[in-house]
Amino acid sequence: MNNNDQKFMAQKIRTQYMEKASTELDELRTLDKKVKQPANVFGYTFGTISAIVMGAGMSLVMTDIGAIIGMTSVMIPGIAIGVAGLSMALLNYPIYKSILNARKKKYSAEILHLSEKIMNQ
């Protein structure tokens, strides 16, 4: 390995240990993440739960799980559970949008100020 390669490798390793200075763009990315992350976490979690509830209702109707757990009539409870899961899934997007819009309203002034500052540099 020649001298230039050694210097390059040393610089590459050195940069891994240097403390990064926070820039305004990093701050803007952090604020954007603060806005979107809670809504995304809610949407994925609630959507997963609603799919599981809907699937449980479908399984109750379409399989013999009800007979195994001692239910005589599984059609009505299975449909009710499935419809509850379906309604949860349908409500997921409006709730997600309301959380996202509330977070946008809360952080919009900071984000607009910081983005304007970055664009005018």
N, C-alpha and C. Protein backbone atom coordinates (compact mmCIF):
# COMPACT_ATOMS: atom_id res chain seq x y z
N MET A 1 0.85 -1.16 0.00
CA MET A 1 0.00 0.00 0.00
C MET A 1 0.90 1.24 0.00
N ASN A 2 0.65 2.13 -0.94
CA ASN A 2 1.50 3.32 -1.01
C ASN A 2 1.05 4.38 -0.01
N ASN A 3 1.80 5.44 0.06
CA ASN A 3 1.59 6.49 1.05
C ASN A 3 0.22 7.17 0.89
N ASN A 4 -0.22 7.42 -0.34
CA ASN A 4 -1.52 8.07 -0.57
C ASN A 4 -2.67 7.17 -0.11
N ASP A 5 -2.55 5.88 -0.37
CA ASP A 5 -3.59 4.95 0.09
C ASP A 5 -3.67 4.91 1.60
N GLN A 6 -2.53 4.95 2.26
CA GLN A 6 -2.50 4.93 3.71
C GLN A 6 -3.14 6.20 4.28
N LYS A 7 -2.85 7.35 3.66
CA LYS A 7 -3.45 8.60 4.11
C LYS A 7 -4.96 8.59 3.92
N PHE A 8 -5.39 8.04 2.78
CA PHE A 8 -6.83 7.96 2.50
C PHE A 8 -7.53 7.08 3.53
N MET A 9 -6.96 5.91 3.82
CA MET A 9 -7.55 4.99 4.80
C MET A 9 -7.57 5.62 6.19
N ALA A 10 -6.50 6.31 6.54
CA ALA A 10 -6.43 6.96 7.85
C ALA A 10 -7.50 8.05 7.95
N GLN A 11 -7.69 8.82 6.89
CA GLN A 11 -8.70 9.88 6.89
C GLN A 11 -10.10 9.28 6.96
N LYS A 12 -10.32 8.19 6.25
CA LYS A 12 -11.62 7.53 6.26
C LYS A 12 -11.97 7.02 7.66
N ILE A 13 -11.02 6.42 8.33
CA ILE A 13 -11.24 5.93 9.69
C ILE A 13 -11.42 7.10 10.66
N ARG A 14 -10.65 8.14 10.45
CA ARG A 14 -10.71 9.32 11.32
C ARG A 14 -12.09 9.97 11.28
N THR A 15 -12.68 10.04 10.11
CA THR A 15 -13.99 10.69 9.98
C THR A 15 -15.08 9.94 10.72
N GLN A 16 -14.89 8.64 10.93
CA GLN A 16 -15.89 7.87 11.67
C GLN A 16 -15.92 8.27 13.14
N TYR A 17 -14.82 8.78 13.65
CA TYR A 17 -14.70 9.12 15.07
C TYR A 17 -14.86 10.61 15.35
N MET A 18 -14.98 11.40 14.31
CA MET A 18 -15.15 12.83 14.51
C MET A 18 -16.62 13.13 14.83
N GLU A 19 -16.85 14.08 15.68
CA GLU A 19 -18.20 14.48 16.02
C GLU A 19 -18.75 15.33 14.88
N LYS A 20 -19.93 14.96 14.43
CA LYS A 20 -20.53 15.70 13.32
C LYS A 20 -21.21 16.95 13.85
N ALA A 21 -20.98 18.04 13.16
CA ALA A 21 -21.64 19.29 13.53
C ALA A 21 -23.06 19.26 12.98
N SER A 22 -23.99 19.63 13.81
CA SER A 22 -25.39 19.63 13.40
C SER A 22 -25.63 20.83 12.48
N THR A 23 -26.18 20.56 11.32
CA THR A 23 -26.47 21.62 10.37
C THR A 23 -27.96 21.95 10.42
N GLU A 24 -28.32 23.01 9.77
CA GLU A 24 -29.72 23.40 9.73
C GLU A 24 -30.54 22.38 8.95
N LEU A 25 -29.93 21.75 7.95
CA LEU A 25 -30.64 20.73 7.19
C LEU A 25 -30.91 19.50 8.06
N ASP A 26 -29.97 19.15 8.93
CA ASP A 26 -30.20 18.05 9.87
C ASP A 26 -31.35 18.38 10.82
N GLU A 27 -31.40 19.63 11.25
CA GLU A 27 -32.49 20.08 12.11
C GLU A 27 -33.83 19.99 11.40
N LEU A 28 -33.84 20.37 10.12
CA LEU A 28 -35.07 20.30 9.33
C LEU A 28 -35.52 18.86 9.16
N ARG A 29 -34.59 17.97 8.90
CA ARG A 29 -34.93 16.54 8.78
C ARG A 29 -35.49 16.00 10.09
N THR A 30 -34.91 16.41 11.19
CA THR A 30 -35.38 15.96 12.51
C THR A 30 -36.81 16.44 12.77
N LEU A 31 -37.08 17.70 12.43
CA LEU A 31 -38.44 18.23 12.60
C LEU A 31 -39.44 17.49 11.70
N ASP A 32 -39.03 17.21 10.47
CA ASP A 32 -39.90 16.47 9.55
C ASP A 32 -40.20 15.08 10.10
N LYS A 33 -39.21 14.46 10.68
CA LYS A 33 -39.40 13.13 11.28
C LYS A 33 -40.35 13.22 12.48
N LYS A 34 -40.22 14.30 13.28
CA LYS A 34 -41.11 14.50 14.42
C LYS A 34 -42.56 14.62 13.98
N VAL A 35 -42.77 15.19 12.81
CA VAL A 35 -44.12 15.37 12.30
C VAL A 35 -44.69 14.02 11.83
N LYS A 36 -43.92 13.28 11.06
CA LYS A 36 -44.45 12.09 10.39
C LYS A 36 -44.40 10.81 11.21
N GLN A 37 -43.43 10.66 12.08
CA GLN A 37 -43.24 9.38 12.76
C GLN A 37 -44.43 8.95 13.64
N PRO A 38 -44.99 9.81 14.49
CA PRO A 38 -46.12 9.36 15.30
C PRO A 38 -47.32 8.89 14.48
N ALA A 39 -47.60 9.61 13.39
CA ALA A 39 -48.72 9.21 12.53
C ALA A 39 -48.43 7.87 11.85
N ASN A 40 -47.20 7.67 11.40
CA ASN A 40 -46.84 6.41 10.76
C ASN A 40 -46.90 5.24 11.74
N VAL A 41 -46.40 5.44 12.94
CA VAL A 41 -46.44 4.38 13.95
C VAL A 41 -47.88 4.02 14.27
N PHE A 42 -48.73 5.02 14.45
CA PHE A 42 -50.13 4.74 14.70
C PHE A 42 -50.76 3.99 13.54
N GLY A 43 -50.54 4.46 12.33
CA GLY A 43 -51.16 3.85 11.15
C GLY A 43 -50.78 2.39 10.98
N TYR A 44 -49.49 2.09 11.11
CA TYR A 44 -49.05 0.70 10.97
C TYR A 44 -49.57 -0.18 12.11
N THR A 45 -49.53 0.33 13.32
CA THR A 45 -49.97 -0.46 14.47
C THR A 45 -51.48 -0.71 14.42
N PHE A 46 -52.25 0.34 14.24
CA PHE A 46 -53.70 0.20 14.21
C PHE A 46 -54.15 -0.62 13.01
N GLY A 47 -53.49 -0.45 11.88
CA GLY A 47 -53.82 -1.24 10.69
C GLY A 47 -53.54 -2.72 10.90
N THR A 48 -52.43 -3.03 11.55
CA THR A 48 -52.11 -4.43 11.83
C THR A 48 -53.13 -5.04 12.79
N ILE A 49 -53.47 -4.30 13.82
CA ILE A 49 -54.46 -4.81 14.79
C ILE A 49 -55.81 -5.01 14.12
N SER A 50 -56.22 -4.07 13.28
CA SER A 50 -57.52 -4.21 12.62
C SER A 50 -57.53 -5.40 11.65
N ALA A 51 -56.42 -5.65 10.98
CA ALA A 51 -56.34 -6.82 10.09
C ALA A 51 -56.42 -8.12 10.89
N ILE A 52 -55.80 -8.13 12.05
CA ILE A 52 -55.85 -9.33 12.90
C ILE A 52 -57.27 -9.55 13.41
N VAL A 53 -57.97 -8.49 13.82
CA VAL A 53 -59.34 -8.62 14.29
C VAL A 53 -60.24 -9.11 13.17
N MET A 54 -60.09 -8.53 11.99
CA MET A 54 -60.90 -8.95 10.85
C MET A 54 -60.61 -10.41 10.49
N GLY A 55 -59.35 -10.79 10.53
CA GLY A 55 -58.98 -12.18 10.25
C GLY A 55 -59.52 -13.15 11.29
N ALA A 56 -59.57 -12.71 12.54
CA ALA A 56 -60.12 -13.57 13.59
C ALA A 56 -61.61 -13.82 13.34
N GLY A 57 -62.33 -12.80 12.94
CA GLY A 57 -63.75 -12.97 12.61
C GLY A 57 -63.94 -13.90 11.42
N MET A 58 -63.12 -13.73 10.40
CA MET A 58 -63.21 -14.62 9.23
C MET A 58 -62.88 -16.06 9.61
N SER A 59 -61.87 -16.24 10.44
CA SER A 59 -61.47 -17.58 10.86
C SER A 59 -62.57 -18.24 11.67
N LEU A 60 -63.24 -17.45 12.49
CA LEU A 60 -64.32 -18.00 13.30
C LEU A 60 -65.45 -18.52 12.42
N VAL A 61 -65.75 -17.78 11.35
CA VAL A 61 -66.83 -18.19 10.46
C VAL A 61 -66.42 -19.35 9.56
N MET A 62 -65.21 -19.33 9.05
CA MET A 62 -64.82 -20.27 8.00
C MET A 62 -64.17 -21.56 8.50
N THR A 63 -63.82 -21.64 9.76
CA THR A 63 -63.17 -22.85 10.27
C THR A 63 -63.98 -23.42 11.42
N ASP A 64 -63.48 -24.48 12.00
CA ASP A 64 -64.18 -25.10 13.12
C ASP A 64 -63.60 -24.67 14.48
N ILE A 65 -62.99 -23.52 14.53
CA ILE A 65 -62.44 -23.01 15.79
C ILE A 65 -63.55 -22.79 16.80
N GLY A 66 -64.70 -22.30 16.35
CA GLY A 66 -65.82 -22.07 17.25
C GLY A 66 -66.28 -23.36 17.92
N ALA A 67 -66.33 -24.44 17.17
CA ALA A 67 -66.72 -25.72 17.76
C ALA A 67 -65.68 -26.20 18.76
N ILE A 68 -64.44 -25.94 18.48
CA ILE A 68 -63.37 -26.36 19.39
C ILE A 68 -63.46 -25.62 20.72
N ILE A 69 -63.80 -24.33 20.66
CA ILE A 69 -63.89 -23.57 21.92
C ILE A 69 -65.27 -23.66 22.56
N GLY A 70 -66.17 -24.40 21.95
CA GLY A 70 -67.46 -24.67 22.57
C GLY A 70 -68.60 -23.78 22.14
N MET A 71 -68.46 -23.06 21.06
CA MET A 71 -69.55 -22.21 20.58
C MET A 71 -70.46 -23.04 19.67
N THR A 72 -71.76 -22.88 19.85
CA THR A 72 -72.68 -23.63 18.99
C THR A 72 -72.95 -22.90 17.69
N SER A 73 -73.17 -21.59 17.76
CA SER A 73 -73.41 -20.80 16.56
C SER A 73 -72.28 -19.79 16.41
N VAL A 74 -71.51 -19.91 15.35
CA VAL A 74 -70.35 -19.04 15.17
C VAL A 74 -70.55 -17.98 14.09
N MET A 75 -71.61 -18.11 13.32
CA MET A 75 -71.81 -17.21 12.19
C MET A 75 -71.98 -15.75 12.64
N ILE A 76 -72.89 -15.48 13.54
CA ILE A 76 -73.18 -14.10 13.97
C ILE A 76 -71.98 -13.47 14.69
N PRO A 77 -71.38 -14.13 15.69
CA PRO A 77 -70.20 -13.51 16.33
C PRO A 77 -69.03 -13.34 15.35
N GLY A 78 -68.84 -14.29 14.46
CA GLY A 78 -67.75 -14.19 13.49
C GLY A 78 -67.93 -13.02 12.55
N ILE A 79 -69.15 -12.83 12.07
CA ILE A 79 -69.44 -11.69 11.19
C ILE A 79 -69.27 -10.38 11.95
N ALA A 80 -69.75 -10.35 13.20
CA ALA A 80 -69.63 -9.13 14.00
C ALA A 80 -68.16 -8.78 14.23
N ILE A 81 -67.35 -9.76 14.56
CA ILE A 81 -65.92 -9.50 14.78
C ILE A 81 -65.25 -9.06 13.48
N GLY A 82 -65.59 -9.72 12.37
CA GLY A 82 -65.03 -9.34 11.07
C GLY A 82 -65.40 -7.93 10.66
N VAL A 83 -66.66 -7.55 10.88
CA VAL A 83 -67.12 -6.19 10.54
C VAL A 83 -66.44 -5.16 11.44
N ALA A 84 -66.23 -5.52 12.71
CA ALA A 84 -65.52 -4.60 13.61
C ALA A 84 -64.09 -4.38 13.11
N GLY A 85 -63.41 -5.43 12.69
CA GLY A 85 -62.05 -5.29 12.14
C GLY A 85 -62.04 -4.49 10.86
N LEU A 86 -63.06 -4.71 10.01
CA LEU A 86 -63.16 -3.97 8.76
C LEU A 86 -63.40 -2.49 9.02
N SER A 87 -64.28 -2.19 9.98
CA SER A 87 -64.53 -0.77 10.28
C SER A 87 -63.29 -0.10 10.88
N MET A 88 -62.53 -0.85 11.68
CA MET A 88 -61.27 -0.31 12.20
C MET A 88 -60.31 0.01 11.05
N ALA A 89 -60.25 -0.90 10.08
CA ALA A 89 -59.36 -0.68 8.93
C ALA A 89 -59.80 0.53 8.11
N LEU A 90 -61.11 0.71 7.99
CA LEU A 90 -61.61 1.86 7.24
C LEU A 90 -61.36 3.18 7.96
N LEU A 91 -61.36 3.15 9.29
CA LEU A 91 -61.11 4.37 10.07
C LEU A 91 -59.63 4.70 10.19
N ASN A 92 -58.77 3.76 9.84
CA ASN A 92 -57.33 3.94 10.03
C ASN A 92 -56.81 5.17 9.27
N TYR A 93 -57.15 5.30 8.00
CA TYR A 93 -56.62 6.41 7.21
C TYR A 93 -57.11 7.78 7.68
N PRO A 94 -58.40 7.97 7.96
CA PRO A 94 -58.82 9.29 8.47
C PRO A 94 -58.15 9.65 9.80
N ILE A 95 -57.98 8.68 10.69
CA ILE A 95 -57.31 8.96 11.95
C ILE A 95 -55.85 9.31 11.71
N TYR A 96 -55.20 8.56 10.82
CA TYR A 96 -53.80 8.84 10.44
C TYR A 96 -53.67 10.27 9.92
N LYS A 97 -54.57 10.65 9.00
CA LYS A 97 -54.51 12.01 8.43
C LYS A 97 -54.75 13.08 9.48
N SER A 98 -55.64 12.84 10.43
CA SER A 98 -55.89 13.85 11.45
C SER A 98 -54.68 13.99 12.38
N ILE A 99 -54.03 12.89 12.71
CA ILE A 99 -52.81 12.97 13.52
C ILE A 99 -51.73 13.73 12.75
N LEU A 100 -51.55 13.40 11.48
CA LEU A 100 -50.54 14.05 10.65
C LEU A 100 -50.81 15.55 10.51
N ASN A 101 -52.06 15.90 10.27
CA ASN A 101 -52.40 17.33 10.12
C ASN A 101 -52.21 18.10 11.42
N ALA A 102 -52.53 17.48 12.54
CA ALA A 102 -52.32 18.14 13.83
C ALA A 102 -50.83 18.37 14.08
N ARG A 103 -50.00 17.38 13.75
CA ARG A 103 -48.56 17.53 13.92
C ARG A 103 -47.99 18.57 12.95
N LYS A 104 -48.52 18.60 11.73
CA LYS A 104 -48.07 19.62 10.76
C LYS A 104 -48.39 21.01 11.27
N LYS A 105 -49.59 21.17 11.82
CA LYS A 105 -49.99 22.48 12.34
C LYS A 105 -49.08 22.89 13.49
N LYS A 106 -48.71 21.94 14.34
CA LYS A 106 -47.89 22.23 15.50
C LYS A 106 -46.47 22.66 15.10
N TYR A 107 -45.89 22.01 14.09
CA TYR A 107 -44.49 22.27 13.72
C TYR A 107 -44.32 23.10 12.45
N SER A 108 -45.40 23.54 11.83
CA SER A 108 -45.29 24.22 10.54
C SER A 108 -44.48 25.51 10.62
N ALA A 109 -44.67 26.29 11.66
CA ALA A 109 -43.96 27.57 11.76
C ALA A 109 -42.45 27.34 11.83
N GLU A 110 -42.03 26.38 12.65
CA GLU A 110 -40.60 26.09 12.78
C GLU A 110 -40.02 25.58 11.46
N ILE A 111 -40.75 24.66 10.81
CA ILE A 111 -40.26 24.06 9.57
C ILE A 111 -40.17 25.11 8.47
N LEU A 112 -41.20 25.95 8.35
CA LEU A 112 -41.18 26.98 7.32
C LEU A 112 -40.07 28.00 7.56
N HIS A 113 -39.87 28.38 8.81
CA HIS A 113 -38.81 29.34 9.13
C HIS A 113 -37.43 28.75 8.80
N LEU A 114 -37.22 27.52 9.21
CA LEU A 114 -35.92 26.88 8.99
C LEU A 114 -35.68 26.62 7.50
N SER A 115 -36.71 26.18 6.78
CA SER A 115 -36.54 25.91 5.34
C SER A 115 -36.29 27.21 4.58
N GLU A 116 -36.96 28.28 4.98
CA GLU A 116 -36.71 29.58 4.35
C GLU A 116 -35.28 30.04 4.58
N LYS A 117 -34.80 29.84 5.79
CA LYS A 117 -33.43 30.20 6.15
C LYS A 117 -32.42 29.42 5.30
N ILE A 118 -32.68 28.14 5.09
CA ILE A 118 -31.78 27.29 4.30
C ILE A 118 -31.81 27.70 2.82
N MET A 119 -32.99 27.97 2.30
CA MET A 119 -33.12 28.32 0.88
C MET A 119 -32.52 29.67 0.56
N ASN A 120 -32.48 30.60 1.52
CA ASN A 120 -31.95 31.93 1.27
C ASN A 120 -30.42 32.03 1.46
N GLN A 121 -29.82 30.95 1.84
CA GLN A 121 -28.35 30.99 2.03
C GLN A 121 -27.63 30.93 0.70
